[in-house]
Amino acid sequence: MLLFLKENKRGNSEIESFRKMLLGDQQNICVLDLGAGSKKVPQSLRSIAKITRYSTSGIKFAQLYQYFCSLTPAEHVLEFGTCVGIGTRYLSLATKGRLYTFEGSAEIQKVAQRAPVPKNIEFVLGPIAQTVSKVLASIPSVDFALIDANHTYEGTLETFFALLPKTHSKTIIAIGDIHWSPEMEKAWKEVQAHPAVKLTQDFFECGIIYFDYPGEKSHLILEV
């Protein structure tokens, strides 16, 4: 993992050019928040530049998710929280089959669909509670999933439990911002305690969940 991050320190040039373009876009759009919202940009009217700066994973963690996705069969990949589509594009590089990316705000999704979109990405618009069941019913299993959407206790656990029946021994689930709030801390602890979870890795900005591990149930705190 560390070698992968070191070798790709600057990220993907095409994706980072897209990020740079969005960071310079001062257009304001009306954002529909279906969860906890943004701490740094709480207003519903936000510039694309600020959304990109404050609500998108940086190169390191975007690639961290890409790396963990690559450890799975990566045929059925789900991302909850498209935002402007930068992390989505990184995940698409590791996806061998189909990447379903969920976003609640139509205006943000339009931004994510700018520039060429990889053919293995399918955009899903609407509240996750209303859209996830249809996607899960259409696929046999979930290989990798990133839960990084509404950042609430209820929403995080609802998504996690919706995914559980479709997981298998090689599934990996990532949860973003596990220490973002007391609510997220509580959700993370409950996920760690679930009997199906065999190993978790805490990278502070995110948590990684495994459902198969040869040793005793373990929870590791790591740095990248």
C-alpha atoms as a PDB file:
ATOM      1  CA  MET A   1       0.000   0.000   0.000  1.00  0.00           C
ATOM      2  CA  LEU A   2       2.682   2.508   1.016  1.00  0.00           C
ATOM      3  CA  LEU A   3       4.699   1.605  -2.074  1.00  0.00           C
ATOM      4  CA  PHE A   4       1.637   2.165  -4.261  1.00  0.00           C
ATOM      5  CA  LEU A   5       1.036   5.602  -2.725  1.00  0.00           C
ATOM      6  CA  LYS A   6       4.710   6.520  -3.008  1.00  0.00           C
ATOM      7  CA  GLU A   7       4.903   5.487  -6.657  1.00  0.00           C
ATOM      8  CA  ASN A   8       1.745   7.459  -7.449  1.00  0.00           C
ATOM      9  CA  LYS A   9       2.445  10.486  -5.263  1.00  0.00           C
ATOM     10  CA  ARG A  10       1.226  12.994  -7.852  1.00  0.00           C
ATOM     11  CA  GLY A  11      -1.885  11.056  -8.703  1.00  0.00           C
ATOM     12  CA  ASN A  12      -3.390  10.492 -12.119  1.00  0.00           C
ATOM     13  CA  SER A  13      -2.549  13.450 -14.352  1.00  0.00           C
ATOM     14  CA  GLU A  14      -5.877  13.435 -16.202  1.00  0.00           C
ATOM     15  CA  ILE A  15      -7.926  13.286 -13.006  1.00  0.00           C
ATOM     16  CA  GLU A  16      -5.799  15.925 -11.298  1.00  0.00           C
ATOM     17  CA  SER A  17      -6.247  18.221 -14.333  1.00  0.00           C
ATOM     18  CA  PHE A  18     -10.000  17.825 -13.827  1.00  0.00           C
ATOM     19  CA  ARG A  19      -9.570  18.684 -10.134  1.00  0.00           C
ATOM     20  CA  LYS A  20      -7.512  21.770 -11.027  1.00  0.00           C
ATOM     21  CA  MET A  21     -10.184  22.947 -13.457  1.00  0.00           C
ATOM     22  CA  LEU A  22     -12.903  22.609 -10.792  1.00  0.00           C
ATOM     23  CA  LEU A  23     -10.760  24.375  -8.166  1.00  0.00           C
ATOM     24  CA  GLY A  24     -10.713  27.386 -10.462  1.00  0.00           C
ATOM     25  CA  ASP A  25     -14.470  27.356 -11.129  1.00  0.00           C
ATOM     26  CA  GLN A  26     -16.203  30.096  -9.125  1.00  0.00           C
ATOM     27  CA  GLN A  27     -19.682  29.289 -10.407  1.00  0.00           C
ATOM     28  CA  ASN A  28     -22.194  28.971  -7.574  1.00  0.00           C
ATOM     29  CA  ILE A  29     -24.582  26.041  -7.557  1.00  0.00           C
ATOM     30  CA  CYS A  30     -27.441  25.184  -5.212  1.00  0.00           C
ATOM     31  CA  VAL A  31     -26.539  22.089  -3.210  1.00  0.00           C
ATOM     32  CA  LEU A  32     -29.160  19.739  -1.799  1.00  0.00           C
ATOM     33  CA  ASP A  33     -27.806  18.328   1.473  1.00  0.00           C
ATOM     34  CA  LEU A  34     -29.426  15.056   2.512  1.00  0.00           C
ATOM     35  CA  GLY A  35     -27.129  14.415   5.461  1.00  0.00           C
ATOM     36  CA  ALA A  36     -24.968  16.255   7.963  1.00  0.00           C
ATOM     37  CA  GLY A  37     -23.840  18.835   5.399  1.00  0.00           C
ATOM     38  CA  SER A  38     -20.483  20.586   5.238  1.00  0.00           C
ATOM     39  CA  LYS A  39     -18.695  22.092   8.254  1.00  0.00           C
ATOM     40  CA  LYS A  40     -16.637  24.531   6.187  1.00  0.00           C
ATOM     41  CA  VAL A  41     -19.245  25.494   3.574  1.00  0.00           C
ATOM     42  CA  PRO A  42     -22.658  25.135   5.245  1.00  0.00           C
ATOM     43  CA  GLN A  43     -24.551  27.397   2.824  1.00  0.00           C
ATOM     44  CA  SER A  44     -26.772  25.747   0.220  1.00  0.00           C
ATOM     45  CA  LEU A  45     -25.357  28.082  -2.451  1.00  0.00           C
ATOM     46  CA  ARG A  46     -21.697  27.112  -2.877  1.00  0.00           C
ATOM     47  CA  SER A  47     -19.022  27.633  -5.476  1.00  0.00           C
ATOM     48  CA  ILE A  48     -17.764  24.596  -7.346  1.00  0.00           C
ATOM     49  CA  ALA A  49     -14.261  25.585  -6.258  1.00  0.00           C
ATOM     50  CA  LYS A  50     -15.168  25.405  -2.551  1.00  0.00           C
ATOM     51  CA  ILE A  51     -17.051  22.124  -2.937  1.00  0.00           C
ATOM     52  CA  THR A  52     -14.005  20.655  -4.643  1.00  0.00           C
ATOM     53  CA  ARG A  53     -11.591  22.020  -2.049  1.00  0.00           C
ATOM     54  CA  TYR A  54     -13.511  21.076   1.101  1.00  0.00           C
ATOM     55  CA  SER A  55     -15.683  18.085   0.186  1.00  0.00           C
ATOM     56  CA  THR A  56     -13.408  15.955  -1.990  1.00  0.00           C
ATOM     57  CA  SER A  57     -10.721  13.472  -0.951  1.00  0.00           C
ATOM     58  CA  GLY A  58      -7.163  14.573  -1.667  1.00  0.00           C
ATOM     59  CA  ILE A  59      -4.799  12.580  -3.870  1.00  0.00           C
ATOM     60  CA  LYS A  60      -3.592  10.334  -1.026  1.00  0.00           C
ATOM     61  CA  PHE A  61      -6.978   9.094   0.156  1.00  0.00           C
ATOM     62  CA  ALA A  62      -8.540   8.973  -3.311  1.00  0.00           C
ATOM     63  CA  GLN A  63      -5.737   6.589  -4.225  1.00  0.00           C
ATOM     64  CA  LEU A  64      -6.043   4.729  -0.930  1.00  0.00           C
ATOM     65  CA  TYR A  65      -9.624   3.827  -1.860  1.00  0.00           C
ATOM     66  CA  GLN A  66      -8.444   2.900  -5.351  1.00  0.00           C
ATOM     67  CA  TYR A  67      -5.806   0.621  -3.833  1.00  0.00           C
ATOM     68  CA  PHE A  68      -8.225  -1.216  -1.535  1.00  0.00           C
ATOM     69  CA  CYS A  69     -10.704  -1.592  -4.382  1.00  0.00           C
ATOM     70  CA  SER A  70      -7.929  -3.250  -6.410  1.00  0.00           C
ATOM     71  CA  LEU A  71      -7.533  -5.898  -3.668  1.00  0.00           C
ATOM     72  CA  THR A  72     -11.048  -7.174  -4.370  1.00  0.00           C
ATOM     73  CA  PRO A  73     -12.534  -8.791  -7.503  1.00  0.00           C
ATOM     74  CA  ALA A  74     -13.763  -5.232  -8.284  1.00  0.00           C
ATOM     75  CA  GLU A  75     -16.580  -6.416 -10.531  1.00  0.00           C
ATOM     76  CA  HIS A  76     -19.324  -4.690  -8.527  1.00  0.00           C
ATOM     77  CA  VAL A  77     -18.164  -1.458  -6.910  1.00  0.00           C
ATOM     78  CA  LEU A  78     -20.365   1.076  -5.109  1.00  0.00           C
ATOM     79  CA  GLU A  79     -19.486   4.618  -4.086  1.00  0.00           C
ATOM     80  CA  PHE A  80     -21.859   6.501  -1.807  1.00  0.00           C
ATOM     81  CA  GLY A  81     -21.119  10.210  -2.210  1.00  0.00           C
ATOM     82  CA  THR A  82     -20.063  11.062  -5.769  1.00  0.00           C
ATOM     83  CA  CYS A  83     -19.445  14.731  -4.963  1.00  0.00           C
ATOM     84  CA  VAL A  84     -17.702  16.254  -8.017  1.00  0.00           C
ATOM     85  CA  GLY A  85     -16.504  12.886  -9.284  1.00  0.00           C
ATOM     86  CA  ILE A  86     -12.784  13.028  -8.565  1.00  0.00           C
ATOM     87  CA  GLY A  87     -12.709  10.047  -6.216  1.00  0.00           C
ATOM     88  CA  THR A  88     -15.148   8.332  -8.576  1.00  0.00           C
ATOM     89  CA  ARG A  89     -12.634   8.547 -11.403  1.00  0.00           C
ATOM     90  CA  TYR A  90      -9.879   7.110  -9.211  1.00  0.00           C
ATOM     91  CA  LEU A  91     -12.125   4.194  -8.232  1.00  0.00           C
ATOM     92  CA  SER A  92     -12.976   3.592 -11.890  1.00  0.00           C
ATOM     93  CA  LEU A  93      -9.291   2.874 -12.561  1.00  0.00           C
ATOM     94  CA  ALA A  94      -9.465  -0.161 -10.258  1.00  0.00           C
ATOM     95  CA  THR A  95     -12.978  -1.270 -11.254  1.00  0.00           C
ATOM     96  CA  LYS A  96     -13.002  -4.271 -13.580  1.00  0.00           C
ATOM     97  CA  GLY A  97     -16.770  -4.384 -13.945  1.00  0.00           C
ATOM     98  CA  ARG A  98     -19.259  -1.654 -13.047  1.00  0.00           C
ATOM     99  CA  LEU A  99     -18.937   1.271 -10.648  1.00  0.00           C
ATOM    100  CA  TYR A 100     -22.228   2.609  -9.280  1.00  0.00           C
ATOM    101  CA  THR A 101     -21.823   6.042  -7.748  1.00  0.00           C
ATOM    102  CA  PHE A 102     -24.609   7.567  -5.643  1.00  0.00           C
ATOM    103  CA  GLU A 103     -25.250  11.307  -5.250  1.00  0.00           C
ATOM    104  CA  GLY A 104     -28.172  13.126  -3.670  1.00  0.00           C
ATOM    105  CA  SER A 105     -27.692  16.573  -5.222  1.00  0.00           C
ATOM    106  CA  ALA A 106     -28.534  16.920  -8.925  1.00  0.00           C
ATOM    107  CA  GLU A 107     -26.393  20.055  -9.356  1.00  0.00           C
ATOM    108  CA  ILE A 108     -23.316  18.358  -7.892  1.00  0.00           C
ATOM    109  CA  GLN A 109     -23.894  15.289 -10.042  1.00  0.00           C
ATOM    110  CA  LYS A 110     -23.921  17.500 -13.152  1.00  0.00           C
ATOM    111  CA  VAL A 111     -20.468  18.772 -12.196  1.00  0.00           C
ATOM    112  CA  ALA A 112     -19.221  15.194 -11.757  1.00  0.00           C
ATOM    113  CA  GLN A 113     -20.438  14.380 -15.264  1.00  0.00           C
ATOM    114  CA  ARG A 114     -18.358  17.112 -16.874  1.00  0.00           C
ATOM    115  CA  ALA A 115     -15.380  16.147 -19.027  1.00  0.00           C
ATOM    116  CA  PRO A 116     -15.025  12.601 -20.377  1.00  0.00           C
ATOM    117  CA  VAL A 117     -16.587  10.037 -18.026  1.00  0.00           C
ATOM    118  CA  PRO A 118     -15.121   6.512 -17.936  1.00  0.00           C
ATOM    119  CA  LYS A 119     -17.515   4.009 -19.510  1.00  0.00           C
ATOM    120  CA  ASN A 120     -17.589   1.754 -16.439  1.00  0.00           C
ATOM    121  CA  ILE A 121     -19.271   4.421 -14.270  1.00  0.00           C
ATOM    122  CA  GLU A 122     -23.030   4.516 -13.682  1.00  0.00           C
ATOM    123  CA  PHE A 123     -24.406   7.597 -11.916  1.00  0.00           C
ATOM    124  CA  VAL A 124     -27.302   7.110  -9.489  1.00  0.00           C
ATOM    125  CA  LEU A 125     -29.231  10.203  -8.346  1.00  0.00           C
ATOM    126  CA  GLY A 126     -31.440  10.527  -5.279  1.00  0.00           C
ATOM    127  CA  PRO A 127     -31.571   9.680  -1.573  1.00  0.00           C
ATOM    128  CA  ILE A 128     -29.539   6.540  -0.893  1.00  0.00           C
ATOM    129  CA  ALA A 129     -32.357   4.982   1.127  1.00  0.00           C
ATOM    130  CA  GLN A 130     -34.511   5.115  -2.021  1.00  0.00           C
ATOM    131  CA  THR A 131     -31.931   4.144  -4.645  1.00  0.00           C
ATOM    132  CA  VAL A 132     -29.630   1.551  -3.085  1.00  0.00           C
ATOM    133  CA  SER A 133     -32.126  -1.338  -3.010  1.00  0.00           C
ATOM    134  CA  LYS A 134     -32.686  -1.231  -6.781  1.00  0.00           C
ATOM    135  CA  VAL A 135     -28.950  -1.330  -7.518  1.00  0.00           C
ATOM    136  CA  LEU A 136     -28.297  -4.101  -4.975  1.00  0.00           C
ATOM    137  CA  ALA A 137     -31.127  -6.157  -6.462  1.00  0.00           C
ATOM    138  CA  SER A 138     -29.442  -5.943  -9.878  1.00  0.00           C
ATOM    139  CA  ILE A 139     -26.037  -7.285  -8.806  1.00  0.00           C
ATOM    140  CA  PRO A 140     -25.033 -10.634  -7.281  1.00  0.00           C
ATOM    141  CA  SER A 141     -22.566  -9.234  -4.752  1.00  0.00           C
ATOM    142  CA  VAL A 142     -20.653  -6.179  -3.563  1.00  0.00           C
ATOM    143  CA  ASP A 143     -16.886  -6.398  -3.968  1.00  0.00           C
ATOM    144  CA  PHE A 144     -15.897  -2.931  -2.793  1.00  0.00           C
ATOM    145  CA  ALA A 145     -17.952  -0.078  -1.364  1.00  0.00           C
ATOM    146  CA  LEU A 146     -17.077   3.392  -0.144  1.00  0.00           C
ATOM    147  CA  ILE A 147     -19.561   4.965   2.276  1.00  0.00           C
ATOM    148  CA  ASP A 148     -18.800   8.685   2.230  1.00  0.00           C
ATOM    149  CA  ALA A 149     -22.149  10.371   1.791  1.00  0.00           C
ATOM    150  CA  ASN A 150     -24.315  11.912   4.501  1.00  0.00           C
ATOM    151  CA  HIS A 151     -21.996  11.527   7.536  1.00  0.00           C
ATOM    152  CA  THR A 152     -24.798  10.770   9.973  1.00  0.00           C
ATOM    153  CA  TYR A 153     -25.054   7.877  12.411  1.00  0.00           C
ATOM    154  CA  GLU A 154     -28.323   6.634  10.935  1.00  0.00           C
ATOM    155  CA  GLY A 155     -27.330   7.056   7.292  1.00  0.00           C
ATOM    156  CA  THR A 156     -23.950   5.392   7.709  1.00  0.00           C
ATOM    157  CA  LEU A 157     -25.354   2.345   9.492  1.00  0.00           C
ATOM    158  CA  GLU A 158     -28.354   2.054   7.154  1.00  0.00           C
ATOM    159  CA  THR A 159     -26.012   1.883   4.174  1.00  0.00           C
ATOM    160  CA  PHE A 160     -23.656  -0.551   5.897  1.00  0.00           C
ATOM    161  CA  PHE A 161     -26.483  -2.923   6.842  1.00  0.00           C
ATOM    162  CA  ALA A 162     -27.992  -2.661   3.344  1.00  0.00           C
ATOM    163  CA  LEU A 163     -24.683  -3.868   1.909  1.00  0.00           C
ATOM    164  CA  LEU A 164     -24.088  -6.712   4.379  1.00  0.00           C
ATOM    165  CA  PRO A 165     -26.252  -9.382   2.648  1.00  0.00           C
ATOM    166  CA  LYS A 166     -24.260  -8.855  -0.559  1.00  0.00           C
ATOM    167  CA  THR A 167     -20.803  -9.097   0.995  1.00  0.00           C
ATOM    168  CA  HIS A 168     -18.481 -12.106   0.702  1.00  0.00           C
ATOM    169  CA  SER A 169     -15.091 -13.137   2.066  1.00  0.00           C
ATOM    170  CA  LYS A 170     -13.174 -10.872  -0.345  1.00  0.00           C
ATOM    171  CA  THR A 171     -15.391  -7.801   0.104  1.00  0.00           C
ATOM    172  CA  ILE A 172     -13.822  -4.627   1.465  1.00  0.00           C
ATOM    173  CA  ILE A 173     -15.902  -1.673   2.688  1.00  0.00           C
ATOM    174  CA  ALA A 174     -14.441   1.753   3.382  1.00  0.00           C
ATOM    175  CA  ILE A 175     -16.169   4.404   5.501  1.00  0.00           C
ATOM    176  CA  GLY A 176     -15.034   7.998   5.165  1.00  0.00           C
ATOM    177  CA  ASP A 177     -14.696  10.530   8.002  1.00  0.00           C
ATOM    178  CA  ILE A 178     -15.121   8.033  10.828  1.00  0.00           C
ATOM    179  CA  HIS A 179     -13.951  10.633  13.392  1.00  0.00           C
ATOM    180  CA  TRP A 180     -15.800  13.587  11.809  1.00  0.00           C
ATOM    181  CA  SER A 181     -18.341  13.845  14.651  1.00  0.00           C
ATOM    182  CA  PRO A 182     -19.506  11.974  17.779  1.00  0.00           C
ATOM    183  CA  GLU A 183     -22.234  10.458  15.577  1.00  0.00           C
ATOM    184  CA  MET A 184     -19.683   9.060  13.144  1.00  0.00           C
ATOM    185  CA  GLU A 185     -17.497   7.818  16.006  1.00  0.00           C
ATOM    186  CA  LYS A 186     -20.508   5.931  17.374  1.00  0.00           C
ATOM    187  CA  ALA A 187     -21.356   4.464  13.962  1.00  0.00           C
ATOM    188  CA  TRP A 188     -17.748   3.331  13.456  1.00  0.00           C
ATOM    189  CA  LYS A 189     -17.654   1.587  16.847  1.00  0.00           C
ATOM    190  CA  GLU A 190     -20.879  -0.255  16.073  1.00  0.00           C
ATOM    191  CA  VAL A 191     -19.519  -1.369  12.714  1.00  0.00           C
ATOM    192  CA  GLN A 192     -16.335  -2.617  14.393  1.00  0.00           C
ATOM    193  CA  ALA A 193     -18.388  -4.619  16.906  1.00  0.00           C
ATOM    194  CA  HIS A 194     -20.540  -6.353  14.291  1.00  0.00           C
ATOM    195  CA  PRO A 195     -19.978 -10.139  14.269  1.00  0.00           C
ATOM    196  CA  ALA A 196     -19.477 -10.223  10.479  1.00  0.00           C
ATOM    197  CA  VAL A 197     -16.549  -7.811  10.709  1.00  0.00           C
ATOM    198  CA  LYS A 198     -13.244  -9.624  11.237  1.00  0.00           C
ATOM    199  CA  LEU A 199     -10.674  -6.832  10.841  1.00  0.00           C
ATOM    200  CA  THR A 200     -10.751  -3.040  10.680  1.00  0.00           C
ATOM    201  CA  GLN A 201      -8.037  -0.520   9.867  1.00  0.00           C
ATOM    202  CA  ASP A 202      -8.356   3.049  11.145  1.00  0.00           C
ATOM    203  CA  PHE A 203      -6.533   5.609   8.983  1.00  0.00           C
ATOM    204  CA  PHE A 204      -8.241   8.440  10.913  1.00  0.00           C
ATOM    205  CA  GLU A 205      -9.738  10.001   7.774  1.00  0.00           C
ATOM    206  CA  CYS A 206     -11.332   6.672   6.926  1.00  0.00           C
ATOM    207  CA  GLY A 207     -11.895   3.151   8.172  1.00  0.00           C
ATOM    208  CA  ILE A 208     -11.400  -0.066   6.199  1.00  0.00           C
ATOM    209  CA  ILE A 209     -13.491  -3.165   6.904  1.00  0.00           C
ATOM    210  CA  TYR A 210     -12.709  -6.802   6.105  1.00  0.00           C
ATOM    211  CA  PHE A 211     -15.009  -9.800   6.393  1.00  0.00           C
ATOM    212  CA  ASP A 212     -12.331 -12.488   6.294  1.00  0.00           C
ATOM    213  CA  TYR A 213      -9.215 -12.610   8.459  1.00  0.00           C
ATOM    214  CA  PRO A 214      -7.264 -15.680   9.636  1.00  0.00           C
ATOM    215  CA  GLY A 215      -6.444 -14.283  13.070  1.00  0.00           C
ATOM    216  CA  GLU A 216      -8.594 -13.091  15.949  1.00  0.00           C
ATOM    217  CA  LYS A 217     -10.937 -10.180  15.379  1.00  0.00           C
ATOM    218  CA  SER A 218      -8.681  -7.122  15.338  1.00  0.00           C
ATOM    219  CA  HIS A 219      -8.872  -3.325  15.067  1.00  0.00           C
ATOM    220  CA  LEU A 220      -5.711  -1.593  13.884  1.00  0.00           C
ATOM    221  CA  ILE A 221      -4.818   2.101  13.938  1.00  0.00           C
ATOM    222  CA  LEU A 222      -2.515   3.009  11.046  1.00  0.00           C
ATOM    223  CA  GLU A 223      -0.889   6.013   9.378  1.00  0.00           C
ATOM    224  CA  VAL A 224      -0.266   6.772   5.711  1.00  0.00           C
END
